[in-house]
Amino acid sequence: MTSSSTTLSKEGLGQQPWWVAEWMELINSYRYKKRLERAWIYAREGNVLSIRFEGRRVQARVQGTEAEPYKVKLWL
């Protein structure tokens, strides 16, 4: 199995593959619901500067309340 990489910019956040909805439904059913709600607000407001998918890893740069954006990493 080869590793593929997908990068989405701010403009690409609205175009999601079918599996994103399935994945989000699964995550919403767990204890991270409040964090996920805040993440969606950040995404809708344009605070997610970039997001990159590499195999089972997801990395994003997010503009929070601090001057410097922060990095988020998630492994599936």
C-alpha atoms as a PDB file:
ATOM      1  CA  MET A   1       0.000   0.000   0.000  1.00  0.00           C
ATOM      2  CA  THR A   2       1.426   3.375  -0.957  1.00  0.00           C
ATOM      3  CA  SER A   3       1.109   6.511   1.107  1.00  0.00           C
ATOM      4  CA  SER A   4      -0.763   9.338  -0.538  1.00  0.00           C
ATOM      5  CA  SER A   5      -0.780  12.963   0.495  1.00  0.00           C
ATOM      6  CA  THR A   6      -3.556  15.499   0.039  1.00  0.00           C
ATOM      7  CA  THR A   7      -3.324  19.157   0.884  1.00  0.00           C
ATOM      8  CA  LEU A   8      -6.299  21.478   1.193  1.00  0.00           C
ATOM      9  CA  SER A   9      -6.037  25.221   1.422  1.00  0.00           C
ATOM     10  CA  LYS A  10      -8.577  27.515   3.043  1.00  0.00           C
ATOM     11  CA  GLU A  11     -10.480  27.636  -0.251  1.00  0.00           C
ATOM     12  CA  GLY A  12     -10.785  23.825  -0.353  1.00  0.00           C
ATOM     13  CA  LEU A  13     -12.385  23.279   3.052  1.00  0.00           C
ATOM     14  CA  GLY A  14     -15.908  23.223   1.634  1.00  0.00           C
ATOM     15  CA  GLN A  15     -15.197  20.406  -0.841  1.00  0.00           C
ATOM     16  CA  GLN A  16     -15.144  17.192   1.140  1.00  0.00           C
ATOM     17  CA  PRO A  17     -14.989  13.568   0.012  1.00  0.00           C
ATOM     18  CA  TRP A  18     -17.845  11.281   1.123  1.00  0.00           C
ATOM     19  CA  TRP A  19     -15.701   9.652   3.800  1.00  0.00           C
ATOM     20  CA  VAL A  20     -15.226  12.959   5.640  1.00  0.00           C
ATOM     21  CA  ALA A  21     -18.931  13.041   6.582  1.00  0.00           C
ATOM     22  CA  GLU A  22     -18.725   9.435   7.814  1.00  0.00           C
ATOM     23  CA  TRP A  23     -15.586  10.175   9.816  1.00  0.00           C
ATOM     24  CA  MET A  24     -17.083  13.324  11.341  1.00  0.00           C
ATOM     25  CA  GLU A  25     -20.218  11.439  12.361  1.00  0.00           C
ATOM     26  CA  LEU A  26     -18.067   8.872  14.146  1.00  0.00           C
ATOM     27  CA  ILE A  27     -15.982  11.513  15.935  1.00  0.00           C
ATOM     28  CA  ASN A  28     -19.106  13.454  16.937  1.00  0.00           C
ATOM     29  CA  SER A  29     -20.362  10.366  18.729  1.00  0.00           C
ATOM     30  CA  TYR A  30     -17.386  10.440  21.120  1.00  0.00           C
ATOM     31  CA  ARG A  31     -16.320  12.722  23.955  1.00  0.00           C
ATOM     32  CA  TYR A  32     -14.641  15.316  21.716  1.00  0.00           C
ATOM     33  CA  LYS A  33     -17.895  16.945  20.645  1.00  0.00           C
ATOM     34  CA  LYS A  34     -17.207  20.372  22.260  1.00  0.00           C
ATOM     35  CA  ARG A  35     -13.709  20.566  20.800  1.00  0.00           C
ATOM     36  CA  LEU A  36     -15.057  19.587  17.409  1.00  0.00           C
ATOM     37  CA  GLU A  37     -17.745  22.264  17.582  1.00  0.00           C
ATOM     38  CA  ARG A  38     -15.053  24.874  18.245  1.00  0.00           C
ATOM     39  CA  ALA A  39     -12.985  23.464  15.378  1.00  0.00           C
ATOM     40  CA  TRP A  40     -15.932  23.824  12.991  1.00  0.00           C
ATOM     41  CA  ILE A  41     -16.389  27.446  14.084  1.00  0.00           C
ATOM     42  CA  TYR A  42     -12.706  28.101  13.389  1.00  0.00           C
ATOM     43  CA  ALA A  43     -13.057  26.468   9.959  1.00  0.00           C
ATOM     44  CA  ARG A  44     -16.193  28.450   9.061  1.00  0.00           C
ATOM     45  CA  GLU A  45     -14.541  31.699  10.140  1.00  0.00           C
ATOM     46  CA  GLY A  46     -11.500  30.994   7.970  1.00  0.00           C
ATOM     47  CA  ASN A  47      -9.068  30.354  10.838  1.00  0.00           C
ATOM     48  CA  VAL A  48      -7.831  27.035   9.419  1.00  0.00           C
ATOM     49  CA  LEU A  49      -4.940  28.243   7.296  1.00  0.00           C
ATOM     50  CA  SER A  50      -3.977  24.857   5.876  1.00  0.00           C
ATOM     51  CA  ILE A  51      -4.746  21.186   6.310  1.00  0.00           C
ATOM     52  CA  ARG A  52      -2.686  18.252   5.071  1.00  0.00           C
ATOM     53  CA  PHE A  53      -3.579  14.561   4.943  1.00  0.00           C
ATOM     54  CA  GLU A  54      -0.722  12.042   4.856  1.00  0.00           C
ATOM     55  CA  GLY A  55      -1.892   8.471   5.144  1.00  0.00           C
ATOM     56  CA  ARG A  56      -3.320   8.152   8.661  1.00  0.00           C
ATOM     57  CA  ARG A  57      -1.998  11.532   9.818  1.00  0.00           C
ATOM     58  CA  VAL A  58      -3.725  14.922   9.560  1.00  0.00           C
ATOM     59  CA  GLN A  59      -1.872  18.183  10.197  1.00  0.00           C
ATOM     60  CA  ALA A  60      -3.303  21.702  10.196  1.00  0.00           C
ATOM     61  CA  ARG A  61      -2.225  25.267  10.880  1.00  0.00           C
ATOM     62  CA  VAL A  62      -4.861  27.268  12.751  1.00  0.00           C
ATOM     63  CA  GLN A  63      -5.009  30.963  13.562  1.00  0.00           C
ATOM     64  CA  GLY A  64      -6.234  31.193  17.132  1.00  0.00           C
ATOM     65  CA  THR A  65      -6.312  34.226  19.410  1.00  0.00           C
ATOM     66  CA  GLU A  66      -2.506  34.439  19.618  1.00  0.00           C
ATOM     67  CA  ALA A  67      -0.453  36.294  16.995  1.00  0.00           C
ATOM     68  CA  GLU A  68       1.208  33.107  15.716  1.00  0.00           C
ATOM     69  CA  PRO A  69      -0.847  30.259  14.207  1.00  0.00           C
ATOM     70  CA  TYR A  70      -0.612  26.940  16.016  1.00  0.00           C
ATOM     71  CA  LYS A  71      -0.217  23.433  14.623  1.00  0.00           C
ATOM     72  CA  VAL A  72      -2.667  20.607  15.159  1.00  0.00           C
ATOM     73  CA  LYS A  73      -1.718  16.966  14.558  1.00  0.00           C
ATOM     74  CA  LEU A  74      -4.047  13.993  14.569  1.00  0.00           C
ATOM     75  CA  TRP A  75      -3.256  10.339  13.951  1.00  0.00           C
ATOM     76  CA  LEU A  76      -5.956   7.874  12.995  1.00  0.00           C
END
